C-alpha atoms as a PDB file:
ATOM      1  CA  UNK A   1     163.385 209.291  48.866  1.00  0.00           C
ATOM      2  CA  UNK A   2     161.623 206.283  50.227  1.00  0.00           C
ATOM      3  CA  UNK A   3     160.272 203.657  47.682  1.00  0.00           C
ATOM      4  CA  UNK A   4     157.274 202.902  50.244  1.00  0.00           C
ATOM      5  CA  UNK A   5     155.041 205.493  51.558  1.00  0.00           C
ATOM      6  CA  UNK A   6     154.455 204.289  55.061  1.00  0.00           C
ATOM      7  CA  UNK A   7     157.939 204.325  56.462  1.00  0.00           C
ATOM      8  CA  UNK A   8     160.763 206.506  57.773  1.00  0.00           C
ATOM      9  CA  UNK A   9     163.319 203.974  57.910  1.00  0.00           C
ATOM     10  CA  UNK A  10     164.945 201.425  55.662  1.00  0.00           C
ATOM     11  CA  UNK A  11     161.796 199.254  56.313  1.00  0.00           C
ATOM     12  CA  UNK A  12     160.083 198.415  53.210  1.00  0.00           C
ATOM     13  CA  UNK A  13     156.630 197.396  54.966  1.00  0.00           C
ATOM     14  CA  UNK A  14     154.206 199.161  57.125  1.00  0.00           C
ATOM     15  CA  UNK A  15     155.484 198.549  60.541  1.00  0.00           C
ATOM     16  CA  UNK A  16     153.460 198.829  63.789  1.00  0.00           C
ATOM     17  CA  UNK A  17     156.121 201.164  65.241  1.00  0.00           C
ATOM     18  CA  UNK A  18     155.694 203.695  62.405  1.00  0.00           C
ATOM     19  CA  UNK A  19     151.949 203.287  62.544  1.00  0.00           C
ATOM     20  CA  UNK A  20     151.938 204.148  66.481  1.00  0.00           C
ATOM     21  CA  UNK A  21     154.438 206.909  66.185  1.00  0.00           C
ATOM     22  CA  UNK A  22     152.279 208.640  63.328  1.00  0.00           C
ATOM     23  CA  UNK A  23     149.098 208.132  65.348  1.00  0.00           C
ATOM     24  CA  UNK A  24     150.301 208.983  68.956  1.00  0.00           C
ATOM     25  CA  UNK A  25     153.549 210.697  68.027  1.00  0.00           C
ATOM     26  CA  UNK A  26     155.266 208.944  70.629  1.00  0.00           C
ATOM     27  CA  UNK A  27     156.973 205.439  71.368  1.00  0.00           C
ATOM     28  CA  UNK A  28     154.183 202.925  71.990  1.00  0.00           C
ATOM     29  CA  UNK A  29     154.667 199.620  73.487  1.00  0.00           C
ATOM     30  CA  UNK A  30     152.385 196.574  73.693  1.00  0.00           C
ATOM     31  CA  UNK A  31     152.266 195.119  77.287  1.00  0.00           C
ATOM     32  CA  UNK A  32     151.262 191.183  77.079  1.00  0.00           C
ATOM     33  CA  UNK A  33     148.991 190.301  79.769  1.00  0.00           C
ATOM     34  CA  UNK A  34     147.438 187.016  81.016  1.00  0.00           C
ATOM     35  CA  UNK A  35     144.168 187.735  82.365  1.00  0.00           C
ATOM     36  CA  UNK A  36     143.318 183.835  83.313  1.00  0.00           C
ATOM     37  CA  UNK A  37     140.881 183.167  80.804  1.00  0.00           C
ATOM     38  CA  UNK A  38     140.489 179.705  78.886  1.00  0.00           C
ATOM     39  CA  UNK A  39     139.199 178.880  75.617  1.00  0.00           C
ATOM     40  CA  UNK A  40     136.080 177.407  74.076  1.00  0.00           C
ATOM     41  CA  UNK A  41     138.480 175.187  72.094  1.00  0.00           C
ATOM     42  CA  UNK A  42     139.781 173.767  75.383  1.00  0.00           C
ATOM     43  CA  UNK A  43     136.818 173.420  77.856  1.00  0.00           C
ATOM     44  CA  UNK A  44     134.738 171.467  75.255  1.00  0.00           C
ATOM     45  CA  UNK A  45     132.267 174.268  74.007  1.00  0.00           C
ATOM     46  CA  UNK A  46     133.387 173.936  70.593  1.00  0.00           C
ATOM     47  CA  UNK A  47     136.251 171.466  70.949  1.00  0.00           C
ATOM     48  CA  UNK A  48     138.871 169.903  73.568  1.00  0.00           C
ATOM     49  CA  UNK A  49     142.466 170.232  73.823  1.00  0.00           C
ATOM     50  CA  UNK A  50     143.085 173.490  71.873  1.00  0.00           C
ATOM     51  CA  UNK A  51     144.899 174.132  68.811  1.00  0.00           C
ATOM     52  CA  UNK A  52     147.565 171.566  68.368  1.00  0.00           C
ATOM     53  CA  UNK A  53     150.492 173.758  68.348  1.00  0.00           C
ATOM     54  CA  UNK A  54     149.300 175.859  71.720  1.00  0.00           C
ATOM     55  CA  UNK A  55     151.351 175.539  74.924  1.00  0.00           C
ATOM     56  CA  UNK A  56     149.338 175.516  78.140  1.00  0.00           C
ATOM     57  CA  UNK A  57     149.692 179.225  78.088  1.00  0.00           C
ATOM     58  CA  UNK A  58     147.492 179.552  74.979  1.00  0.00           C
ATOM     59  CA  UNK A  59     149.806 181.335  72.524  1.00  0.00           C
ATOM     60  CA  UNK A  60     150.496 183.558  75.678  1.00  0.00           C
ATOM     61  CA  UNK A  61     154.244 182.349  76.587  1.00  0.00           C
ATOM     62  CA  UNK A  62     155.483 185.823  76.874  1.00  0.00           C
ATOM     63  CA  UNK A  63     152.247 187.380  78.494  1.00  0.00           C
ATOM     64  CA  UNK A  64     152.343 187.885  82.150  1.00  0.00           C
ATOM     65  CA  UNK A  65     151.888 185.131  84.880  1.00  0.00           C
ATOM     66  CA  UNK A  66     148.408 184.383  85.752  1.00  0.00           C
ATOM     67  CA  UNK A  67     149.062 183.878  89.229  1.00  0.00           C
ATOM     68  CA  UNK A  68     149.871 187.685  89.246  1.00  0.00           C
ATOM     69  CA  UNK A  69     147.121 190.278  89.137  1.00  0.00           C
ATOM     70  CA  UNK A  70     147.106 192.613  85.946  1.00  0.00           C
ATOM     71  CA  UNK A  71     148.574 195.468  87.667  1.00  0.00           C
ATOM     72  CA  UNK A  72     151.618 193.674  88.749  1.00  0.00           C
ATOM     73  CA  UNK A  73     152.160 192.103  85.157  1.00  0.00           C
ATOM     74  CA  UNK A  74     151.820 195.687  83.736  1.00  0.00           C
ATOM     75  CA  UNK A  75     154.184 197.302  86.140  1.00  0.00           C
ATOM     76  CA  UNK A  76     156.864 194.402  85.556  1.00  0.00           C
ATOM     77  CA  UNK A  77     156.929 195.175  81.953  1.00  0.00           C
ATOM     78  CA  UNK A  78     156.672 198.862  82.298  1.00  0.00           C
ATOM     79  CA  UNK A  79     159.645 199.269  84.664  1.00  0.00           C
ATOM     80  CA  UNK A  80     161.656 197.607  81.899  1.00  0.00           C
ATOM     81  CA  UNK A  81     160.610 199.629  78.915  1.00  0.00           C
ATOM     82  CA  UNK A  82     160.901 202.940  80.977  1.00  0.00           C
ATOM     83  CA  UNK A  83     164.472 202.475  81.347  1.00  0.00           C
ATOM     84  CA  UNK A  84     164.868 203.022  77.586  1.00  0.00           C
ATOM     85  CA  UNK A  85     161.982 204.904  76.795  1.00  0.00           C
ATOM     86  CA  UNK A  86     160.878 206.979  79.953  1.00  0.00           C
ATOM     87  CA  UNK A  87     158.022 208.835  78.056  1.00  0.00           C
ATOM     88  CA  UNK A  88     156.367 206.041  76.216  1.00  0.00           C
ATOM     89  CA  UNK A  89     152.787 205.209  76.054  1.00  0.00           C
ATOM     90  CA  UNK A  90     151.279 201.705  76.456  1.00  0.00           C
ATOM     91  CA  UNK A  91     148.605 199.452  74.858  1.00  0.00           C
ATOM     92  CA  UNK A  92     147.458 196.636  77.274  1.00  0.00           C
ATOM     93  CA  UNK A  93     147.540 193.495  75.323  1.00  0.00           C
ATOM     94  CA  UNK A  94     145.261 190.845  76.435  1.00  0.00           C
ATOM     95  CA  UNK A  95     147.175 187.866  74.691  1.00  0.00           C
ATOM     96  CA  UNK A  96     146.837 184.561  76.447  1.00  0.00           C
ATOM     97  CA  UNK A  97     144.103 182.338  75.527  1.00  0.00           C
ATOM     98  CA  UNK A  98     140.775 183.707  74.059  1.00  0.00           C
ATOM     99  CA  UNK A  99     140.218 187.310  75.730  1.00  0.00           C
ATOM    100  CA  UNK A 100     136.349 187.748  75.003  1.00  0.00           C
ATOM    101  CA  UNK A 101     135.572 184.421  76.638  1.00  0.00           C
ATOM    102  CA  UNK A 102     134.247 185.326  79.977  1.00  0.00           C
ATOM    103  CA  UNK A 103     131.038 186.931  81.559  1.00  0.00           C
ATOM    104  CA  UNK A 104     130.688 190.240  80.358  1.00  0.00           C
ATOM    105  CA  UNK A 105     131.025 191.845  83.842  1.00  0.00           C
ATOM    106  CA  UNK A 106     134.301 190.006  83.948  1.00  0.00           C
ATOM    107  CA  UNK A 107     135.414 191.443  80.951  1.00  0.00           C
ATOM    108  CA  UNK A 108     134.523 195.057  81.813  1.00  0.00           C
ATOM    109  CA  UNK A 109     136.546 194.568  85.243  1.00  0.00           C
ATOM    110  CA  UNK A 110     139.633 193.670  83.382  1.00  0.00           C
ATOM    111  CA  UNK A 111     139.565 195.819  80.568  1.00  0.00           C
ATOM    112  CA  UNK A 112     138.719 198.755  82.425  1.00  0.00           C
ATOM    113  CA  UNK A 113     141.228 198.284  85.084  1.00  0.00           C
ATOM    114  CA  UNK A 114     144.030 198.231  82.605  1.00  0.00           C
ATOM    115  CA  UNK A 115     142.701 201.292  80.840  1.00  0.00           C
ATOM    116  CA  UNK A 116     143.095 203.240  84.444  1.00  0.00           C
ATOM    117  CA  UNK A 117     146.942 202.471  84.550  1.00  0.00           C
ATOM    118  CA  UNK A 118     148.971 205.665  83.710  1.00  0.00           C
ATOM    119  CA  UNK A 119     149.833 206.073  79.969  1.00  0.00           C
ATOM    120  CA  UNK A 120     147.624 203.365  78.721  1.00  0.00           C
ATOM    121  CA  UNK A 121     146.136 204.534  75.592  1.00  0.00           C
ATOM    122  CA  UNK A 122     144.300 201.664  74.477  1.00  0.00           C
ATOM    123  CA  UNK A 123     143.521 197.839  74.169  1.00  0.00           C
ATOM    124  CA  UNK A 124     144.392 195.118  71.822  1.00  0.00           C
ATOM    125  CA  UNK A 125     142.413 191.912  72.648  1.00  0.00           C
ATOM    126  CA  UNK A 126     143.288 188.567  71.020  1.00  0.00           C
ATOM    127  CA  UNK A 127     140.127 186.317  70.541  1.00  0.00           C
ATOM    128  CA  UNK A 128     138.677 183.674  68.269  1.00  0.00           C
ATOM    129  CA  UNK A 129     135.931 184.618  65.738  1.00  0.00           C
ATOM    130  CA  UNK A 130     133.268 182.125  67.446  1.00  0.00           C
ATOM    131  CA  UNK A 131     133.768 183.674  70.995  1.00  0.00           C
ATOM    132  CA  UNK A 132     132.485 187.272  70.747  1.00  0.00           C
ATOM    133  CA  UNK A 133     128.882 187.266  71.806  1.00  0.00           C
ATOM    134  CA  UNK A 134     126.423 189.968  70.939  1.00  0.00           C
ATOM    135  CA  UNK A 135     126.474 191.432  74.335  1.00  0.00           C
ATOM    136  CA  UNK A 136     130.249 191.529  74.117  1.00  0.00           C
ATOM    137  CA  UNK A 137     130.064 192.870  70.796  1.00  0.00           C
ATOM    138  CA  UNK A 138     127.908 195.893  71.932  1.00  0.00           C
ATOM    139  CA  UNK A 139     130.351 196.926  74.806  1.00  0.00           C
ATOM    140  CA  UNK A 140     133.292 196.743  72.721  1.00  0.00           C
ATOM    141  CA  UNK A 141     131.912 198.971  70.248  1.00  0.00           C
ATOM    142  CA  UNK A 142     131.072 201.221  73.019  1.00  0.00           C
ATOM    143  CA  UNK A 143     134.673 200.912  74.327  1.00  0.00           C
ATOM    144  CA  UNK A 144     136.222 201.651  70.970  1.00  0.00           C
ATOM    145  CA  UNK A 145     134.649 205.157  71.052  1.00  0.00           C
ATOM    146  CA  UNK A 146     136.608 205.896  74.248  1.00  0.00           C
ATOM    147  CA  UNK A 147     139.847 204.483  73.645  1.00  0.00           C
ATOM    148  CA  UNK A 148     141.929 202.829  70.894  1.00  0.00           C
ATOM    149  CA  UNK A 149     140.813 199.281  70.489  1.00  0.00           C
ATOM    150  CA  UNK A 150     141.934 196.672  68.391  1.00  0.00           C
ATOM    151  CA  UNK A 151     140.386 193.197  68.002  1.00  0.00           C
ATOM    152  CA  UNK A 152     143.125 190.236  67.032  1.00  0.00           C
ATOM    153  CA  UNK A 153     141.461 187.367  65.339  1.00  0.00           C
ATOM    154  CA  UNK A 154     143.207 184.004  64.861  1.00  0.00           C
ATOM    155  CA  UNK A 155     142.652 182.829  61.497  1.00  0.00           C
ATOM    156  CA  UNK A 156     146.094 180.962  60.755  1.00  0.00           C
ATOM    157  CA  UNK A 157     144.831 179.516  57.434  1.00  0.00           C
ATOM    158  CA  UNK A 158     142.113 179.550  54.904  1.00  0.00           C
ATOM    159  CA  UNK A 159     142.452 175.971  53.961  1.00  0.00           C
ATOM    160  CA  UNK A 160     139.675 173.792  55.785  1.00  0.00           C
ATOM    161  CA  UNK A 161     141.751 170.604  55.602  1.00  0.00           C
ATOM    162  CA  UNK A 162     144.803 172.257  57.626  1.00  0.00           C
ATOM    163  CA  UNK A 163     142.345 174.105  59.967  1.00  0.00           C
ATOM    164  CA  UNK A 164     140.724 170.793  60.676  1.00  0.00           C
ATOM    165  CA  UNK A 165     144.094 168.973  61.201  1.00  0.00           C
ATOM    166  CA  UNK A 166     145.489 171.721  63.444  1.00  0.00           C
ATOM    167  CA  UNK A 167     141.952 171.557  65.629  1.00  0.00           C
ATOM    168  CA  UNK A 168     140.881 175.166  65.212  1.00  0.00           C
ATOM    169  CA  UNK A 169     137.255 174.323  65.449  1.00  0.00           C
ATOM    170  CA  UNK A 170     135.764 177.187  63.432  1.00  0.00           C
ATOM    171  CA  UNK A 171     135.030 177.529  59.896  1.00  0.00           C
ATOM    172  CA  UNK A 172     136.168 180.294  57.508  1.00  0.00           C
ATOM    173  CA  UNK A 173     132.559 181.451  57.106  1.00  0.00           C
ATOM    174  CA  UNK A 174     132.805 182.146  60.941  1.00  0.00           C
ATOM    175  CA  UNK A 175     135.615 184.205  60.579  1.00  0.00           C
ATOM    176  CA  UNK A 176     134.220 186.098  57.814  1.00  0.00           C
ATOM    177  CA  UNK A 177     130.916 187.027  59.450  1.00  0.00           C
ATOM    178  CA  UNK A 178     133.101 187.990  62.631  1.00  0.00           C
ATOM    179  CA  UNK A 179     135.286 190.459  60.797  1.00  0.00           C
ATOM    180  CA  UNK A 180     132.115 191.998  58.966  1.00  0.00           C
ATOM    181  CA  UNK A 181     130.372 192.396  62.317  1.00  0.00           C
ATOM    182  CA  UNK A 182     133.152 194.112  63.836  1.00  0.00           C
ATOM    183  CA  UNK A 183     133.809 196.447  60.817  1.00  0.00           C
ATOM    184  CA  UNK A 184     130.074 197.228  60.875  1.00  0.00           C
ATOM    185  CA  UNK A 185     130.692 198.688  64.351  1.00  0.00           C
ATOM    186  CA  UNK A 186     133.923 200.370  62.899  1.00  0.00           C
ATOM    187  CA  UNK A 187     136.275 198.318  65.179  1.00  0.00           C
ATOM    188  CA  UNK A 188     139.847 197.797  63.938  1.00  0.00           C
ATOM    189  CA  UNK A 189     140.639 194.263  63.033  1.00  0.00           C
ATOM    190  CA  UNK A 190     144.148 192.524  62.651  1.00  0.00           C
ATOM    191  CA  UNK A 191     144.286 188.991  61.585  1.00  0.00           C
ATOM    192  CA  UNK A 192     146.855 186.181  62.434  1.00  0.00           C
ATOM    193  CA  UNK A 193     148.050 183.847  60.125  1.00  0.00           C
ATOM    194  CA  UNK A 194     150.803 181.090  60.277  1.00  0.00           C
ATOM    195  CA  UNK A 195     153.378 180.078  57.646  1.00  0.00           C
ATOM    196  CA  UNK A 196     154.707 176.787  57.628  1.00  0.00           C
ATOM    197  CA  UNK A 197     151.643 174.765  58.998  1.00  0.00           C
ATOM    198  CA  UNK A 198     152.065 170.953  58.246  1.00  0.00           C
ATOM    199  CA  UNK A 199     151.797 169.984  54.609  1.00  0.00           C
ATOM    200  CA  UNK A 200     150.857 173.594  53.426  1.00  0.00           C
ATOM    201  CA  UNK A 201     152.796 174.471  50.393  1.00  0.00           C
ATOM    202  CA  UNK A 202     154.176 177.961  49.391  1.00  0.00           C
ATOM    203  CA  UNK A 203     151.048 178.494  47.043  1.00  0.00           C
ATOM    204  CA  UNK A 204     148.632 177.524  49.766  1.00  0.00           C
ATOM    205  CA  UNK A 205     150.305 180.258  52.024  1.00  0.00           C
ATOM    206  CA  UNK A 206     150.232 182.770  49.278  1.00  0.00           C
ATOM    207  CA  UNK A 207     146.748 182.093  48.905  1.00  0.00           C
ATOM    208  CA  UNK A 208     145.891 182.925  52.507  1.00  0.00           C
ATOM    209  CA  UNK A 209     147.537 186.083  52.004  1.00  0.00           C
ATOM    210  CA  UNK A 210     145.529 186.928  48.813  1.00  0.00           C
ATOM    211  CA  UNK A 211     142.323 186.170  50.535  1.00  0.00           C
ATOM    212  CA  UNK A 212     143.188 188.881  53.354  1.00  0.00           C
ATOM    213  CA  UNK A 213     143.519 191.575  50.470  1.00  0.00           C
ATOM    214  CA  UNK A 214     139.484 190.643  50.226  1.00  0.00           C
ATOM    215  CA  UNK A 215     138.946 191.693  53.582  1.00  0.00           C
ATOM    216  CA  UNK A 216     138.105 194.932  55.421  1.00  0.00           C
ATOM    217  CA  UNK A 217     140.779 194.655  57.797  1.00  0.00           C
ATOM    218  CA  UNK A 218     143.517 197.100  59.414  1.00  0.00           C
ATOM    219  CA  UNK A 219     146.558 194.714  60.239  1.00  0.00           C
ATOM    220  CA  UNK A 220     148.234 191.527  59.971  1.00  0.00           C
ATOM    221  CA  UNK A 221     150.387 189.239  62.349  1.00  0.00           C
ATOM    222  CA  UNK A 222     152.542 186.588  60.260  1.00  0.00           C
ATOM    223  CA  UNK A 223     154.072 183.823  62.207  1.00  0.00           C
ATOM    224  CA  UNK A 224     156.321 181.040  61.577  1.00  0.00           C
ATOM    225  CA  UNK A 225     155.158 177.614  62.975  1.00  0.00           C
ATOM    226  CA  UNK A 226     157.067 176.631  65.882  1.00  0.00           C
ATOM    227  CA  UNK A 227     156.864 173.407  67.557  1.00  0.00           C
ATOM    228  CA  UNK A 228     156.894 173.302  71.366  1.00  0.00           C
ATOM    229  CA  UNK A 229     157.385 170.542  73.679  1.00  0.00           C
ATOM    230  CA  UNK A 230     154.254 169.315  75.808  1.00  0.00           C
ATOM    231  CA  UNK A 231     152.078 170.213  72.883  1.00  0.00           C
ATOM    232  CA  UNK A 232     149.975 167.659  70.620  1.00  0.00           C
ATOM    233  CA  UNK A 233     151.912 168.991  67.657  1.00  0.00           C
ATOM    234  CA  UNK A 234     155.040 168.139  69.452  1.00  0.00           C
ATOM    235  CA  UNK A 235     154.054 164.864  70.070  1.00  0.00           C
ATOM    236  CA  UNK A 236     152.988 164.408  66.485  1.00  0.00           C
ATOM    237  CA  UNK A 237     156.135 165.873  65.045  1.00  0.00           C
ATOM    238  CA  UNK A 238     158.302 163.338  66.929  1.00  0.00           C
ATOM    239  CA  UNK A 239     156.219 160.463  65.519  1.00  0.00           C
ATOM    240  CA  UNK A 240     155.733 161.594  62.098  1.00  0.00           C
ATOM    241  CA  UNK A 241     158.480 164.416  61.204  1.00  0.00           C
ATOM    242  CA  UNK A 242     157.243 166.688  58.458  1.00  0.00           C
ATOM    243  CA  UNK A 243     159.013 169.584  56.626  1.00  0.00           C
ATOM    244  CA  UNK A 244     159.701 172.627  58.624  1.00  0.00           C
ATOM    245  CA  UNK A 245     160.408 175.811  56.617  1.00  0.00           C
ATOM    246  CA  UNK A 246     163.986 176.757  56.707  1.00  0.00           C
ATOM    247  CA  UNK A 247     165.096 180.357  57.342  1.00  0.00           C
ATOM    248  CA  UNK A 248     165.726 180.886  53.852  1.00  0.00           C
ATOM    249  CA  UNK A 249     162.223 179.468  52.679  1.00  0.00           C
ATOM    250  CA  UNK A 250     160.305 181.445  55.325  1.00  0.00           C
ATOM    251  CA  UNK A 251     162.061 184.787  54.180  1.00  0.00           C
ATOM    252  CA  UNK A 252     161.399 184.007  50.666  1.00  0.00           C
ATOM    253  CA  UNK A 253     157.658 183.503  51.546  1.00  0.00           C
ATOM    254  CA  UNK A 254     157.208 186.541  53.818  1.00  0.00           C
ATOM    255  CA  UNK A 255     158.695 188.674  51.069  1.00  0.00           C
ATOM    256  CA  UNK A 256     156.289 187.313  48.657  1.00  0.00           C
ATOM    257  CA  UNK A 257     153.457 187.988  50.977  1.00  0.00           C
ATOM    258  CA  UNK A 258     154.401 191.316  51.624  1.00  0.00           C
ATOM    259  CA  UNK A 259     154.903 192.161  48.159  1.00  0.00           C
ATOM    260  CA  UNK A 260     151.179 191.024  47.493  1.00  0.00           C
ATOM    261  CA  UNK A 261     149.707 192.518  50.624  1.00  0.00           C
ATOM    262  CA  UNK A 262     147.782 196.007  50.483  1.00  0.00           C
ATOM    263  CA  UNK A 263     149.964 198.608  51.035  1.00  0.00           C
ATOM    264  CA  UNK A 264     148.077 200.266  53.844  1.00  0.00           C
ATOM    265  CA  UNK A 265     147.599 196.851  55.919  1.00  0.00           C
ATOM    266  CA  UNK A 266     149.858 197.428  59.118  1.00  0.00           C
ATOM    267  CA  UNK A 267     152.039 194.647  59.742  1.00  0.00           C
ATOM    268  CA  UNK A 268     151.932 194.077  63.624  1.00  0.00           C
ATOM    269  CA  UNK A 269     154.347 190.920  63.519  1.00  0.00           C
ATOM    270  CA  UNK A 270     156.385 189.399  60.759  1.00  0.00           C
ATOM    271  CA  UNK A 271     157.915 186.269  62.537  1.00  0.00           C
ATOM    272  CA  UNK A 272     157.545 183.895  65.512  1.00  0.00           C
ATOM    273  CA  UNK A 273     158.648 184.391  68.953  1.00  0.00           C
ATOM    274  CA  UNK A 274     159.080 181.022  70.641  1.00  0.00           C
ATOM    275  CA  UNK A 275     160.228 180.182  74.174  1.00  0.00           C
ATOM    276  CA  UNK A 276     163.539 178.640  73.511  1.00  0.00           C
ATOM    277  CA  UNK A 277     163.496 176.353  76.536  1.00  0.00           C
ATOM    278  CA  UNK A 278     160.170 174.867  74.893  1.00  0.00           C
ATOM    279  CA  UNK A 279     161.360 174.910  71.486  1.00  0.00           C
ATOM    280  CA  UNK A 280     161.756 171.664  69.426  1.00  0.00           C
ATOM    281  CA  UNK A 281     161.835 173.234  65.866  1.00  0.00           C
ATOM    282  CA  UNK A 282     162.778 175.476  64.288  1.00  0.00           C
ATOM    283  CA  UNK A 283     165.754 176.408  66.189  1.00  0.00           C
ATOM    284  CA  UNK A 284     166.509 179.461  63.668  1.00  0.00           C
ATOM    285  CA  UNK A 285     163.460 181.142  64.879  1.00  0.00           C
ATOM    286  CA  UNK A 286     165.513 181.960  68.368  1.00  0.00           C
ATOM    287  CA  UNK A 287     167.375 184.573  66.340  1.00  0.00           C
ATOM    288  CA  UNK A 288     164.484 186.890  65.883  1.00  0.00           C
ATOM    289  CA  UNK A 289     166.381 190.058  64.692  1.00  0.00           C
ATOM    290  CA  UNK A 290     168.417 188.036  62.380  1.00  0.00           C
ATOM    291  CA  UNK A 291     165.172 186.680  60.729  1.00  0.00           C
ATOM    292  CA  UNK A 292     164.093 190.425  60.412  1.00  0.00           C
ATOM    293  CA  UNK A 293     167.197 191.565  59.070  1.00  0.00           C
ATOM    294  CA  UNK A 294     167.200 189.036  56.246  1.00  0.00           C
ATOM    295  CA  UNK A 295     163.448 190.014  55.398  1.00  0.00           C
ATOM    296  CA  UNK A 296     164.798 193.396  54.889  1.00  0.00           C
ATOM    297  CA  UNK A 297     167.806 192.571  53.032  1.00  0.00           C
ATOM    298  CA  UNK A 298     165.762 190.265  50.802  1.00  0.00           C
ATOM    299  CA  UNK A 299     163.158 192.939  50.019  1.00  0.00           C
ATOM    300  CA  UNK A 300     166.296 195.495  49.105  1.00  0.00           C
ATOM    301  CA  UNK A 301     167.867 192.731  47.073  1.00  0.00           C
ATOM    302  CA  UNK A 302     164.625 192.225  45.268  1.00  0.00           C
ATOM    303  CA  UNK A 303     164.106 196.209  45.262  1.00  0.00           C
ATOM    304  CA  UNK A 304     160.413 195.655  46.174  1.00  0.00           C
ATOM    305  CA  UNK A 305     158.252 196.739  49.025  1.00  0.00           C
ATOM    306  CA  UNK A 306     154.563 195.926  50.598  1.00  0.00           C
ATOM    307  CA  UNK A 307     151.991 196.149  48.116  1.00  0.00           C
ATOM    308  CA  UNK A 308     154.187 196.542  44.824  1.00  0.00           C
ATOM    309  CA  UNK A 309     152.121 193.579  43.350  1.00  0.00           C
ATOM    310  CA  UNK A 310     148.821 194.245  44.923  1.00  0.00           C
ATOM    311  CA  UNK A 311     146.178 195.139  42.424  1.00  0.00           C
ATOM    312  CA  UNK A 312     142.806 196.068  43.422  1.00  0.00           C
ATOM    313  CA  UNK A 313     140.212 193.931  42.058  1.00  0.00           C
ATOM    314  CA  UNK A 314     137.379 195.568  39.960  1.00  0.00           C
END
């Protein structure tokens, strides 16, 4: 008998694969897409240069090539997936840059094009909390009634000093307001956080996790900070090296976070996935499955699971 209720495997946390299989009774894949958007933190609307860790692809290093149309990007990934899972279903994942940051007619065209592709059952849209207009919010609400829709919001940290350092250019209050507005309209929200941000302690990272428990959200993505060439963070690190989490430290922190997170929060991601050709540090992050296995082993060693120490506040 499994210790953790949201699993049918050795996983002791609520995986996205399990969630999709329970909901759609099928293998489901997220197909990462680059729709050619920019970001208000790049073009000067709220800031310039973007977040200091972002590459020129805007956290979309494994999204499609923006030079290709969305259908070509989608078919390229789908062809690979079909070789192993011929009956899979697909979520169009608008990943690169800020994917609500365009005129509404442009957003409609791109979203609805992807939804028209065979076996696409929904969309996942990555964006910023300061980049969803009221007009866009209204449209997304209507779209959510017709298809499986998830809005992914970057938070990264609750600590304002760190947020300023990494040039996020939005406040925690702005983030909270966006989450509340999305949930008022019954849209699913997934929040991104990053472990290992410069000068953050383990206690600070755990505080970010505890904060997530206070929100009405449906999922979490946990990333490990990775330092890429040709980024502001890469330049800073080479001039002023700071401590990068070891694999052992990262595994320890993630397991502590999982133990404290609500058990019904879907864990959409649990480690980073850098481009090895652009990676400065940490090199251990290139062995993704090794990291995942170490997390599994540590939870088993502790004999714990997601939510074991979560206590709902009165």
